Amino acid sequence: MLTRHLPYRWRRKIETGRHDRAIRAILNTPPIRPANDGLVLFSMIGTAVVLPYLVAVKSLWHQLQRGRVVLLDDGTLTASDKATLALHCGDPEIINIASVDTGNFPRGGTWERLLTILDRRTDEYWIQLDSDTVTVGPLPEVEQAIQTNRSYTLLGGPDAEVGALLLSEFTHRLYRDGLQDGHIQSRVESGMATMRADLGWRYIRGCSGFAGFAAGNAGRLLAGAFLAEMTRLVGPEDISIWGTEQITSSFVIANEMSPILLPSARYLNHWGTPWESDASFVHFVGTHRYDNDAYATESRKVIATLQNAA
């Protein structure tokens, strides 16, 4: 297509508009019926992703059939957006991002999202759900995590299925050449062996696009201690780079009691290649989001399922 020759920013705007038109029928599906049953479906969204978000949250709720919705407004939701969300998500609680006290943590880069979860999961199980996701099948591992009050995480890939490792072991397994430059994730992960070994900290290479946080577990204290070590490692100027929140989310989950790792073959990040027919959950991440029209195709399948269920 001719659009592939356009600058990325222009191409993405065209692709986003095309995708929104393809999934607009999500507005014709039944609303979520929320319940105060100890489960929170939580997302940070803005006006640009309202339609994809409705696909994400309705497809998840369709499988779980439980929970209430809480939203973190990135500051761009309009009155019309909020009316649409009220209709389709059972009048959800909407938190303005400016109201989140980040304290000593960075502002931006989805840190407000993680801090809200850590502050408020005292007596409810919180699921962090990105708007660029589609639940395409049953979620037995997620349901088990909720029932047993164990945190879970989407994995960064098959190499993460080794589980939660001590920081030094993780670094020695995946970064045998020592400290790395470049992407913030590689910089932090390759330096974890230099962090405090006396605390027995562990790490999972996870993805915060779909993560479950058990009720009653650690608040900001553990995340703050890890932030201090990350700051020492990469410097105060780089601690707010996009990605440090995801690293911290994975770290927090790795240090919880018996976290569940979602099998990467069925709970996956889409990198432009086909997945198995028994997949449960797809995260349409990054530059491959609109490859092969897979995102729109799966969204339309879910929309049809929701309409038929009505």
C-alpha atoms as a PDB file:
ATOM      1  CA  MET A   1       0.000   0.000   0.000  1.00  0.00           C
ATOM      2  CA  LEU A   2       1.105   3.556  -0.680  1.00  0.00           C
ATOM      3  CA  THR A   3       0.812   4.462   3.001  1.00  0.00           C
ATOM      4  CA  ARG A   4       3.940   2.455   3.807  1.00  0.00           C
ATOM      5  CA  HIS A   5       5.989   5.207   2.136  1.00  0.00           C
ATOM      6  CA  LEU A   6       4.616   7.915   4.424  1.00  0.00           C
ATOM      7  CA  PRO A   7       6.376   9.135   7.589  1.00  0.00           C
ATOM      8  CA  TYR A   8       5.581   6.921  10.580  1.00  0.00           C
ATOM      9  CA  ARG A   9       3.537   9.599  12.375  1.00  0.00           C
ATOM     10  CA  TRP A  10       1.276  10.163   9.348  1.00  0.00           C
ATOM     11  CA  ARG A  11       0.973   6.454   8.633  1.00  0.00           C
ATOM     12  CA  ARG A  12       0.011   5.697  12.213  1.00  0.00           C
ATOM     13  CA  LYS A  13      -2.689   8.381  12.164  1.00  0.00           C
ATOM     14  CA  ILE A  14      -4.202   6.882   9.004  1.00  0.00           C
ATOM     15  CA  GLU A  15      -3.999   3.337  10.408  1.00  0.00           C
ATOM     16  CA  THR A  16      -5.576   4.395  13.696  1.00  0.00           C
ATOM     17  CA  GLY A  17      -8.473   6.077  11.929  1.00  0.00           C
ATOM     18  CA  ARG A  18      -9.016   3.041   9.718  1.00  0.00           C
ATOM     19  CA  HIS A  19      -8.986   0.751  12.755  1.00  0.00           C
ATOM     20  CA  ASP A  20     -11.500   2.904  14.643  1.00  0.00           C
ATOM     21  CA  ARG A  21     -13.882   2.751  11.678  1.00  0.00           C
ATOM     22  CA  ALA A  22     -13.478  -1.028  11.511  1.00  0.00           C
ATOM     23  CA  ILE A  23     -14.417  -1.523  15.183  1.00  0.00           C
ATOM     24  CA  ARG A  24     -17.079   1.147  15.590  1.00  0.00           C
ATOM     25  CA  ALA A  25     -19.725  -1.548  16.013  1.00  0.00           C
ATOM     26  CA  ILE A  26     -18.411  -2.057  19.548  1.00  0.00           C
ATOM     27  CA  LEU A  27     -20.809   0.780  20.380  1.00  0.00           C
ATOM     28  CA  ASN A  28     -23.681  -1.541  19.444  1.00  0.00           C
ATOM     29  CA  THR A  29     -22.771  -4.242  21.965  1.00  0.00           C
ATOM     30  CA  PRO A  30     -24.320  -4.681  25.431  1.00  0.00           C
ATOM     31  CA  PRO A  31     -22.778  -2.737  28.321  1.00  0.00           C
ATOM     32  CA  ILE A  32     -20.690  -4.298  31.043  1.00  0.00           C
ATOM     33  CA  ARG A  33     -22.668  -5.168  34.168  1.00  0.00           C
ATOM     34  CA  PRO A  34     -20.228  -4.197  36.930  1.00  0.00           C
ATOM     35  CA  ALA A  35     -20.145  -5.765  40.388  1.00  0.00           C
ATOM     36  CA  ASN A  36     -18.395  -4.899  43.620  1.00  0.00           C
ATOM     37  CA  ASP A  37     -17.032  -8.426  43.948  1.00  0.00           C
ATOM     38  CA  GLY A  38     -13.402  -7.752  44.818  1.00  0.00           C
ATOM     39  CA  LEU A  39     -12.073  -7.392  41.264  1.00  0.00           C
ATOM     40  CA  VAL A  40     -11.105  -4.151  39.517  1.00  0.00           C
ATOM     41  CA  LEU A  41     -10.456  -3.859  35.771  1.00  0.00           C
ATOM     42  CA  PHE A  42      -8.159  -0.854  35.524  1.00  0.00           C
ATOM     43  CA  SER A  43      -6.766   1.044  32.542  1.00  0.00           C
ATOM     44  CA  MET A  44      -5.184   4.385  31.738  1.00  0.00           C
ATOM     45  CA  ILE A  45      -6.820   5.802  28.619  1.00  0.00           C
ATOM     46  CA  GLY A  46      -7.393   9.004  26.649  1.00  0.00           C
ATOM     47  CA  THR A  47      -9.725  10.236  23.953  1.00  0.00           C
ATOM     48  CA  ALA A  48      -7.640   8.647  21.173  1.00  0.00           C
ATOM     49  CA  VAL A  49      -8.250   5.078  22.366  1.00  0.00           C
ATOM     50  CA  VAL A  50     -11.854   5.001  23.596  1.00  0.00           C
ATOM     51  CA  LEU A  51     -13.080   2.575  20.914  1.00  0.00           C
ATOM     52  CA  PRO A  52     -10.128   0.140  21.160  1.00  0.00           C
ATOM     53  CA  TYR A  53     -10.425   0.303  24.939  1.00  0.00           C
ATOM     54  CA  LEU A  54     -14.070  -0.752  24.782  1.00  0.00           C
ATOM     55  CA  VAL A  55     -13.031  -3.780  22.734  1.00  0.00           C
ATOM     56  CA  ALA A  56     -10.288  -4.559  25.265  1.00  0.00           C
ATOM     57  CA  VAL A  57     -12.414  -4.268  28.404  1.00  0.00           C
ATOM     58  CA  LYS A  58     -15.593  -5.813  27.009  1.00  0.00           C
ATOM     59  CA  SER A  59     -13.748  -8.822  25.601  1.00  0.00           C
ATOM     60  CA  LEU A  60     -12.037  -9.328  28.976  1.00  0.00           C
ATOM     61  CA  TRP A  61     -15.242  -8.895  30.964  1.00  0.00           C
ATOM     62  CA  HIS A  62     -17.064 -11.281  28.611  1.00  0.00           C
ATOM     63  CA  GLN A  63     -14.666 -14.051  29.640  1.00  0.00           C
ATOM     64  CA  LEU A  64     -14.480 -13.226  33.359  1.00  0.00           C
ATOM     65  CA  GLN A  65     -18.093 -12.076  33.911  1.00  0.00           C
ATOM     66  CA  ARG A  66     -17.070 -10.191  37.014  1.00  0.00           C
ATOM     67  CA  GLY A  67     -15.452  -7.030  38.323  1.00  0.00           C
ATOM     68  CA  ARG A  68     -15.958  -3.295  38.143  1.00  0.00           C
ATOM     69  CA  VAL A  69     -14.164  -0.773  35.929  1.00  0.00           C
ATOM     70  CA  VAL A  70     -11.861   1.997  37.124  1.00  0.00           C
ATOM     71  CA  LEU A  71     -10.158   4.350  34.667  1.00  0.00           C
ATOM     72  CA  LEU A  72      -7.207   6.707  34.851  1.00  0.00           C
ATOM     73  CA  ASP A  73      -7.866   9.658  32.537  1.00  0.00           C
ATOM     74  CA  ASP A  74      -4.620  10.746  30.879  1.00  0.00           C
ATOM     75  CA  GLY A  75      -6.051  14.268  30.768  1.00  0.00           C
ATOM     76  CA  THR A  76      -7.622  14.110  27.304  1.00  0.00           C
ATOM     77  CA  LEU A  77     -11.000  12.447  27.899  1.00  0.00           C
ATOM     78  CA  THR A  78     -13.838  14.694  26.759  1.00  0.00           C
ATOM     79  CA  ALA A  79     -17.324  14.998  28.217  1.00  0.00           C
ATOM     80  CA  SER A  80     -18.578  12.921  25.272  1.00  0.00           C
ATOM     81  CA  ASP A  81     -15.960  10.240  25.979  1.00  0.00           C
ATOM     82  CA  LYS A  82     -17.005  10.063  29.610  1.00  0.00           C
ATOM     83  CA  ALA A  83     -20.669   9.730  28.655  1.00  0.00           C
ATOM     84  CA  THR A  84     -19.799   6.855  26.302  1.00  0.00           C
ATOM     85  CA  LEU A  85     -17.725   5.144  28.989  1.00  0.00           C
ATOM     86  CA  ALA A  86     -20.498   5.614  31.558  1.00  0.00           C
ATOM     87  CA  LEU A  87     -22.983   3.926  29.224  1.00  0.00           C
ATOM     88  CA  HIS A  88     -20.769   0.990  28.243  1.00  0.00           C
ATOM     89  CA  CYS A  89     -18.774   0.375  31.433  1.00  0.00           C
ATOM     90  CA  GLY A  90     -21.385   0.777  34.133  1.00  0.00           C
ATOM     91  CA  ASP A  91     -20.604   4.363  35.143  1.00  0.00           C
ATOM     92  CA  PRO A  92     -16.980   3.651  36.077  1.00  0.00           C
ATOM     93  CA  GLU A  93     -14.886   5.596  38.522  1.00  0.00           C
ATOM     94  CA  ILE A  94     -12.623   7.943  36.524  1.00  0.00           C
ATOM     95  CA  ILE A  95      -9.462   9.281  38.168  1.00  0.00           C
ATOM     96  CA  ASN A  96      -7.741  12.333  36.714  1.00  0.00           C
ATOM     97  CA  ILE A  97      -4.045  11.699  36.255  1.00  0.00           C
ATOM     98  CA  ALA A  98      -3.187  15.094  37.767  1.00  0.00           C
ATOM     99  CA  SER A  99      -4.708  13.981  41.079  1.00  0.00           C
ATOM    100  CA  VAL A 100      -2.222  11.118  41.532  1.00  0.00           C
ATOM    101  CA  ASP A 101       0.488  12.060  44.021  1.00  0.00           C
ATOM    102  CA  THR A 102       3.660  10.536  42.594  1.00  0.00           C
ATOM    103  CA  GLY A 103       5.820  11.588  45.557  1.00  0.00           C
ATOM    104  CA  ASN A 104       9.426  10.590  44.883  1.00  0.00           C
ATOM    105  CA  PHE A 105       8.460   8.584  41.805  1.00  0.00           C
ATOM    106  CA  PRO A 106       8.639   9.958  38.246  1.00  0.00           C
ATOM    107  CA  ARG A 107       5.624  11.639  36.703  1.00  0.00           C
ATOM    108  CA  GLY A 108       4.470  10.362  33.319  1.00  0.00           C
ATOM    109  CA  GLY A 109       5.485   7.179  31.532  1.00  0.00           C
ATOM    110  CA  THR A 110       2.481   5.356  33.105  1.00  0.00           C
ATOM    111  CA  TRP A 111       3.953   5.671  36.604  1.00  0.00           C
ATOM    112  CA  GLU A 112       0.660   7.151  37.825  1.00  0.00           C
ATOM    113  CA  ARG A 113      -1.038   3.953  36.671  1.00  0.00           C
ATOM    114  CA  LEU A 114       1.211   1.646  38.688  1.00  0.00           C
ATOM    115  CA  LEU A 115       1.146   3.878  41.770  1.00  0.00           C
ATOM    116  CA  THR A 116      -2.660   3.961  41.749  1.00  0.00           C
ATOM    117  CA  ILE A 117      -2.733   0.165  41.771  1.00  0.00           C
ATOM    118  CA  LEU A 118      -0.177  -0.122  44.574  1.00  0.00           C
ATOM    119  CA  ASP A 119      -2.041   2.450  46.655  1.00  0.00           C
ATOM    120  CA  ARG A 120      -5.507   0.979  46.215  1.00  0.00           C
ATOM    121  CA  ARG A 121      -5.230  -2.818  46.062  1.00  0.00           C
ATOM    122  CA  THR A 122      -5.580  -3.218  49.826  1.00  0.00           C
ATOM    123  CA  ASP A 123      -8.768  -5.280  49.674  1.00  0.00           C
ATOM    124  CA  GLU A 124      -9.408  -5.765  45.939  1.00  0.00           C
ATOM    125  CA  TYR A 125      -7.625  -7.623  43.151  1.00  0.00           C
ATOM    126  CA  TRP A 126      -6.566  -5.150  40.437  1.00  0.00           C
ATOM    127  CA  ILE A 127      -6.011  -6.098  36.782  1.00  0.00           C
ATOM    128  CA  GLN A 128      -4.025  -3.654  34.651  1.00  0.00           C
ATOM    129  CA  LEU A 129      -5.330  -3.797  31.074  1.00  0.00           C
ATOM    130  CA  ASP A 130      -3.897  -1.931  28.089  1.00  0.00           C
ATOM    131  CA  SER A 131      -6.318  -0.590  25.512  1.00  0.00           C
ATOM    132  CA  ASP A 132      -4.484  -2.284  22.608  1.00  0.00           C
ATOM    133  CA  THR A 133      -5.425  -5.787  23.714  1.00  0.00           C
ATOM    134  CA  VAL A 134      -8.104  -8.296  22.769  1.00  0.00           C
ATOM    135  CA  THR A 135      -9.214 -11.273  24.850  1.00  0.00           C
ATOM    136  CA  VAL A 136      -9.840 -13.982  22.261  1.00  0.00           C
ATOM    137  CA  GLY A 137     -10.533 -17.036  24.427  1.00  0.00           C
ATOM    138  CA  PRO A 138     -10.980 -18.441  27.941  1.00  0.00           C
ATOM    139  CA  LEU A 139      -8.581 -17.283  30.661  1.00  0.00           C
ATOM    140  CA  PRO A 140      -8.150 -20.199  33.092  1.00  0.00           C
ATOM    141  CA  GLU A 141      -4.772 -18.993  34.404  1.00  0.00           C
ATOM    142  CA  VAL A 142      -6.162 -15.523  35.115  1.00  0.00           C
ATOM    143  CA  GLU A 143      -9.207 -16.963  36.827  1.00  0.00           C
ATOM    144  CA  GLN A 144      -6.932 -19.145  38.962  1.00  0.00           C
ATOM    145  CA  ALA A 145      -4.833 -16.121  39.891  1.00  0.00           C
ATOM    146  CA  ILE A 146      -7.911 -14.193  41.012  1.00  0.00           C
ATOM    147  CA  GLN A 147      -9.372 -17.125  42.947  1.00  0.00           C
ATOM    148  CA  THR A 148      -6.090 -17.804  44.779  1.00  0.00           C
ATOM    149  CA  ASN A 149      -5.169 -14.113  45.140  1.00  0.00           C
ATOM    150  CA  ARG A 150      -1.859 -14.489  43.300  1.00  0.00           C
ATOM    151  CA  SER A 151      -0.398 -11.806  41.082  1.00  0.00           C
ATOM    152  CA  TYR A 152       0.281 -12.585  37.432  1.00  0.00           C
ATOM    153  CA  THR A 153       1.981 -11.058  34.421  1.00  0.00           C
ATOM    154  CA  LEU A 154       2.000 -11.244  30.679  1.00  0.00           C
ATOM    155  CA  LEU A 155       5.507 -12.258  29.649  1.00  0.00           C
ATOM    156  CA  GLY A 156       7.895 -10.445  27.362  1.00  0.00           C
ATOM    157  CA  GLY A 157       8.439 -13.674  25.424  1.00  0.00           C
ATOM    158  CA  PRO A 158       9.257 -17.395  25.785  1.00  0.00           C
ATOM    159  CA  ASP A 159      12.642 -16.625  27.360  1.00  0.00           C
ATOM    160  CA  ALA A 160      10.837 -15.248  30.422  1.00  0.00           C
ATOM    161  CA  GLU A 161       9.143 -18.554  31.233  1.00  0.00           C
ATOM    162  CA  VAL A 162      12.084 -19.535  33.447  1.00  0.00           C
ATOM    163  CA  GLY A 163      10.168 -17.739  36.192  1.00  0.00           C
ATOM    164  CA  ALA A 164      11.099 -15.314  38.931  1.00  0.00           C
ATOM    165  CA  LEU A 165      14.888 -15.375  39.340  1.00  0.00           C
ATOM    166  CA  LEU A 166      17.222 -13.728  41.814  1.00  0.00           C
ATOM    167  CA  LEU A 167      18.507 -10.542  40.227  1.00  0.00           C
ATOM    168  CA  SER A 168      22.066 -11.817  39.874  1.00  0.00           C
ATOM    169  CA  GLU A 169      20.889 -15.082  38.307  1.00  0.00           C
ATOM    170  CA  PHE A 170      18.645 -13.241  35.874  1.00  0.00           C
ATOM    171  CA  THR A 171      21.471 -10.983  34.736  1.00  0.00           C
ATOM    172  CA  HIS A 172      23.987 -13.815  34.380  1.00  0.00           C
ATOM    173  CA  ARG A 173      21.522 -15.866  32.310  1.00  0.00           C
ATOM    174  CA  LEU A 174      20.428 -13.156  29.905  1.00  0.00           C
ATOM    175  CA  TYR A 175      23.328 -10.693  29.869  1.00  0.00           C
ATOM    176  CA  ARG A 176      26.516 -12.724  29.850  1.00  0.00           C
ATOM    177  CA  ASP A 177      28.377  -9.865  28.150  1.00  0.00           C
ATOM    178  CA  GLY A 178      27.788  -7.534  31.084  1.00  0.00           C
ATOM    179  CA  LEU A 179      26.294  -4.058  31.169  1.00  0.00           C
ATOM    180  CA  GLN A 180      24.417  -2.959  28.055  1.00  0.00           C
ATOM    181  CA  ASP A 181      23.806   0.436  26.502  1.00  0.00           C
ATOM    182  CA  GLY A 182      20.796   1.449  24.445  1.00  0.00           C
ATOM    183  CA  HIS A 183      17.222   0.673  25.477  1.00  0.00           C
ATOM    184  CA  ILE A 184      16.401   1.473  29.100  1.00  0.00           C
ATOM    185  CA  GLN A 185      15.188  -2.081  29.740  1.00  0.00           C
ATOM    186  CA  SER A 186      18.517  -3.576  28.671  1.00  0.00           C
ATOM    187  CA  ARG A 187      20.415  -1.001  30.701  1.00  0.00           C
ATOM    188  CA  VAL A 188      18.495  -1.793  33.879  1.00  0.00           C
ATOM    189  CA  GLU A 189      18.239  -5.568  33.459  1.00  0.00           C
ATOM    190  CA  SER A 190      21.915  -5.973  32.608  1.00  0.00           C
ATOM    191  CA  GLY A 191      22.861  -4.100  35.770  1.00  0.00           C
ATOM    192  CA  MET A 192      20.586  -5.905  38.218  1.00  0.00           C
ATOM    193  CA  ALA A 193      23.462  -8.059  39.470  1.00  0.00           C
ATOM    194  CA  THR A 194      24.910  -4.898  41.045  1.00  0.00           C
ATOM    195  CA  MET A 195      21.756  -4.256  43.082  1.00  0.00           C
ATOM    196  CA  ARG A 196      21.504  -5.260  46.732  1.00  0.00           C
ATOM    197  CA  ALA A 197      21.868  -9.036  46.980  1.00  0.00           C
ATOM    198  CA  ASP A 198      21.097  -9.170  50.709  1.00  0.00           C
ATOM    199  CA  LEU A 199      17.393  -8.530  50.119  1.00  0.00           C
ATOM    200  CA  GLY A 200      16.812 -11.605  47.940  1.00  0.00           C
ATOM    201  CA  TRP A 201      15.038  -9.618  45.270  1.00  0.00           C
ATOM    202  CA  ARG A 202      13.730 -11.452  42.187  1.00  0.00           C
ATOM    203  CA  TYR A 203      12.754 -10.355  38.709  1.00  0.00           C
ATOM    204  CA  ILE A 204      10.549 -11.530  35.827  1.00  0.00           C
ATOM    205  CA  ARG A 205      10.827 -10.114  32.337  1.00  0.00           C
ATOM    206  CA  GLY A 206       7.156  -9.269  32.084  1.00  0.00           C
ATOM    207  CA  CYS A 207       4.901  -6.931  30.149  1.00  0.00           C
ATOM    208  CA  SER A 208       2.684  -4.514  32.042  1.00  0.00           C
ATOM    209  CA  GLY A 209       0.093  -4.534  29.239  1.00  0.00           C
ATOM    210  CA  PHE A 210      -1.828  -7.216  31.142  1.00  0.00           C
ATOM    211  CA  ALA A 211      -0.916  -7.764  34.761  1.00  0.00           C
ATOM    212  CA  GLY A 212      -2.750  -8.849  37.892  1.00  0.00           C
ATOM    213  CA  PHE A 213      -1.984  -7.447  41.334  1.00  0.00           C
ATOM    214  CA  ALA A 214      -3.120  -9.501  44.307  1.00  0.00           C
ATOM    215  CA  ALA A 215      -5.162  -7.835  47.012  1.00  0.00           C
ATOM    216  CA  GLY A 216      -3.388  -6.825  50.185  1.00  0.00           C
ATOM    217  CA  ASN A 217       0.195  -7.042  48.937  1.00  0.00           C
ATOM    218  CA  ALA A 218       3.014  -4.474  48.941  1.00  0.00           C
ATOM    219  CA  GLY A 219       2.285  -0.824  48.318  1.00  0.00           C
ATOM    220  CA  ARG A 220       4.893   1.752  47.338  1.00  0.00           C
ATOM    221  CA  LEU A 221       7.622   0.720  49.765  1.00  0.00           C
ATOM    222  CA  LEU A 222       9.103  -2.114  47.695  1.00  0.00           C
ATOM    223  CA  ALA A 223       8.738  -0.179  44.435  1.00  0.00           C
ATOM    224  CA  GLY A 224      10.444   2.800  46.030  1.00  0.00           C
ATOM    225  CA  ALA A 225      13.422   0.740  47.176  1.00  0.00           C
ATOM    226  CA  PHE A 226      13.799  -0.658  43.662  1.00  0.00           C
ATOM    227  CA  LEU A 227      13.462   2.825  42.171  1.00  0.00           C
ATOM    228  CA  ALA A 228      16.393   3.972  44.286  1.00  0.00           C
ATOM    229  CA  GLU A 229      18.538   1.147  42.898  1.00  0.00           C
ATOM    230  CA  MET A 230      17.454   1.902  39.323  1.00  0.00           C
ATOM    231  CA  THR A 231      18.291   5.568  39.849  1.00  0.00           C
ATOM    232  CA  ARG A 232      21.760   4.666  41.056  1.00  0.00           C
ATOM    233  CA  LEU A 233      22.201   2.450  38.023  1.00  0.00           C
ATOM    234  CA  VAL A 234      20.981   4.702  35.170  1.00  0.00           C
ATOM    235  CA  GLY A 235      21.106   8.144  36.771  1.00  0.00           C
ATOM    236  CA  PRO A 236      18.345  10.539  37.877  1.00  0.00           C
ATOM    237  CA  GLU A 237      18.055  12.039  34.387  1.00  0.00           C
ATOM    238  CA  ASP A 238      16.976   8.733  32.816  1.00  0.00           C
ATOM    239  CA  ILE A 239      14.793   7.264  35.525  1.00  0.00           C
ATOM    240  CA  SER A 240      11.649   8.713  33.931  1.00  0.00           C
ATOM    241  CA  ILE A 241      12.341   7.255  30.470  1.00  0.00           C
ATOM    242  CA  TRP A 242       9.371   5.304  29.119  1.00  0.00           C
ATOM    243  CA  GLY A 243       9.792   1.692  30.224  1.00  0.00           C
ATOM    244  CA  THR A 244      11.005   2.127  33.799  1.00  0.00           C
ATOM    245  CA  GLU A 245       7.447   1.703  35.066  1.00  0.00           C
ATOM    246  CA  GLN A 246       7.093  -1.608  33.222  1.00  0.00           C
ATOM    247  CA  ILE A 247      10.380  -2.852  34.702  1.00  0.00           C
ATOM    248  CA  THR A 248       9.135  -1.912  38.170  1.00  0.00           C
ATOM    249  CA  SER A 249       5.759  -3.572  37.597  1.00  0.00           C
ATOM    250  CA  SER A 250       7.530  -6.805  36.642  1.00  0.00           C
ATOM    251  CA  PHE A 251       9.817  -6.491  39.660  1.00  0.00           C
ATOM    252  CA  VAL A 252       6.917  -5.998  42.093  1.00  0.00           C
ATOM    253  CA  ILE A 253       5.056  -9.041  40.738  1.00  0.00           C
ATOM    254  CA  ALA A 254       8.214 -11.178  40.795  1.00  0.00           C
ATOM    255  CA  ASN A 255       8.572 -10.528  44.525  1.00  0.00           C
ATOM    256  CA  GLU A 256       5.010 -11.506  45.430  1.00  0.00           C
ATOM    257  CA  MET A 257       3.989 -14.933  46.723  1.00  0.00           C
ATOM    258  CA  SER A 258       3.993 -17.553  43.928  1.00  0.00           C
ATOM    259  CA  PRO A 259       3.209 -15.261  40.983  1.00  0.00           C
ATOM    260  CA  ILE A 260       1.563 -16.832  37.961  1.00  0.00           C
ATOM    261  CA  LEU A 261       3.320 -16.486  34.610  1.00  0.00           C
ATOM    262  CA  LEU A 262       0.852 -16.492  31.744  1.00  0.00           C
ATOM    263  CA  PRO A 263       2.097 -18.973  29.084  1.00  0.00           C
ATOM    264  CA  SER A 264       3.493 -16.905  26.229  1.00  0.00           C
ATOM    265  CA  ALA A 265       2.095 -19.158  23.499  1.00  0.00           C
ATOM    266  CA  ARG A 266      -1.472 -18.329  24.552  1.00  0.00           C
ATOM    267  CA  TYR A 267      -1.072 -14.901  26.164  1.00  0.00           C
ATOM    268  CA  LEU A 268       1.083 -13.107  23.655  1.00  0.00           C
ATOM    269  CA  ASN A 269       2.479  -9.893  22.288  1.00  0.00           C
ATOM    270  CA  HIS A 270       1.775  -9.599  18.574  1.00  0.00           C
ATOM    271  CA  TRP A 271       4.954  -9.146  16.531  1.00  0.00           C
ATOM    272  CA  GLY A 272       3.351  -9.473  13.107  1.00  0.00           C
ATOM    273  CA  THR A 273       3.284 -13.273  12.951  1.00  0.00           C
ATOM    274  CA  PRO A 274       0.345 -15.721  13.312  1.00  0.00           C
ATOM    275  CA  TRP A 275      -0.505 -17.321  16.648  1.00  0.00           C
ATOM    276  CA  GLU A 276      -1.929 -20.709  17.622  1.00  0.00           C
ATOM    277  CA  SER A 277      -5.674 -21.353  17.479  1.00  0.00           C
ATOM    278  CA  ASP A 278      -5.874 -21.864  21.255  1.00  0.00           C
ATOM    279  CA  ALA A 279      -4.637 -18.345  22.072  1.00  0.00           C
ATOM    280  CA  SER A 280      -6.444 -16.586  24.914  1.00  0.00           C
ATOM    281  CA  PHE A 281      -5.157 -13.026  24.834  1.00  0.00           C
ATOM    282  CA  VAL A 282      -3.318 -10.832  22.302  1.00  0.00           C
ATOM    283  CA  HIS A 283      -1.501  -7.577  22.994  1.00  0.00           C
ATOM    284  CA  PHE A 284      -1.190  -5.621  19.743  1.00  0.00           C
ATOM    285  CA  VAL A 285       1.938  -3.774  20.683  1.00  0.00           C
ATOM    286  CA  GLY A 286       4.115  -1.181  18.976  1.00  0.00           C
ATOM    287  CA  THR A 287       5.039  -0.939  15.335  1.00  0.00           C
ATOM    288  CA  HIS A 288       3.353  -4.263  14.475  1.00  0.00           C
ATOM    289  CA  ARG A 289      -0.034  -3.219  15.838  1.00  0.00           C
ATOM    290  CA  TYR A 290      -1.785  -3.002  12.484  1.00  0.00           C
ATOM    291  CA  ASP A 291       0.196  -5.642  10.596  1.00  0.00           C
ATOM    292  CA  ASN A 292      -1.870  -7.939   8.357  1.00  0.00           C
ATOM    293  CA  ASP A 293      -5.098  -6.356   9.646  1.00  0.00           C
ATOM    294  CA  ALA A 294      -4.964  -8.894  12.504  1.00  0.00           C
ATOM    295  CA  TYR A 295      -5.964  -6.361  15.174  1.00  0.00           C
ATOM    296  CA  ALA A 296      -9.141  -5.318  13.340  1.00  0.00           C
ATOM    297  CA  THR A 297      -9.954  -8.909  12.408  1.00  0.00           C
ATOM    298  CA  GLU A 298      -9.784 -10.161  16.004  1.00  0.00           C
ATOM    299  CA  SER A 299     -11.666  -7.108  17.256  1.00  0.00           C
ATOM    300  CA  ARG A 300     -14.494  -7.709  14.795  1.00  0.00           C
ATOM    301  CA  LYS A 301     -14.686 -11.366  15.845  1.00  0.00           C
ATOM    302  CA  VAL A 302     -15.073 -10.306  19.477  1.00  0.00           C
ATOM    303  CA  ILE A 303     -17.676  -7.704  18.554  1.00  0.00           C
ATOM    304  CA  ALA A 304     -19.699 -10.351  16.723  1.00  0.00           C
ATOM    305  CA  THR A 305     -19.464 -12.646  19.751  1.00  0.00           C
ATOM    306  CA  LEU A 306     -20.696  -9.869  22.049  1.00  0.00           C
ATOM    307  CA  GLN A 307     -23.581  -9.071  19.727  1.00  0.00           C
ATOM    308  CA  ASN A 308     -24.605 -12.732  19.488  1.00  0.00           C
ATOM    309  CA  ALA A 309     -24.418 -13.120  23.263  1.00  0.00           C
ATOM    310  CA  ALA A 310     -26.937 -10.338  23.605  1.00  0.00           C
END
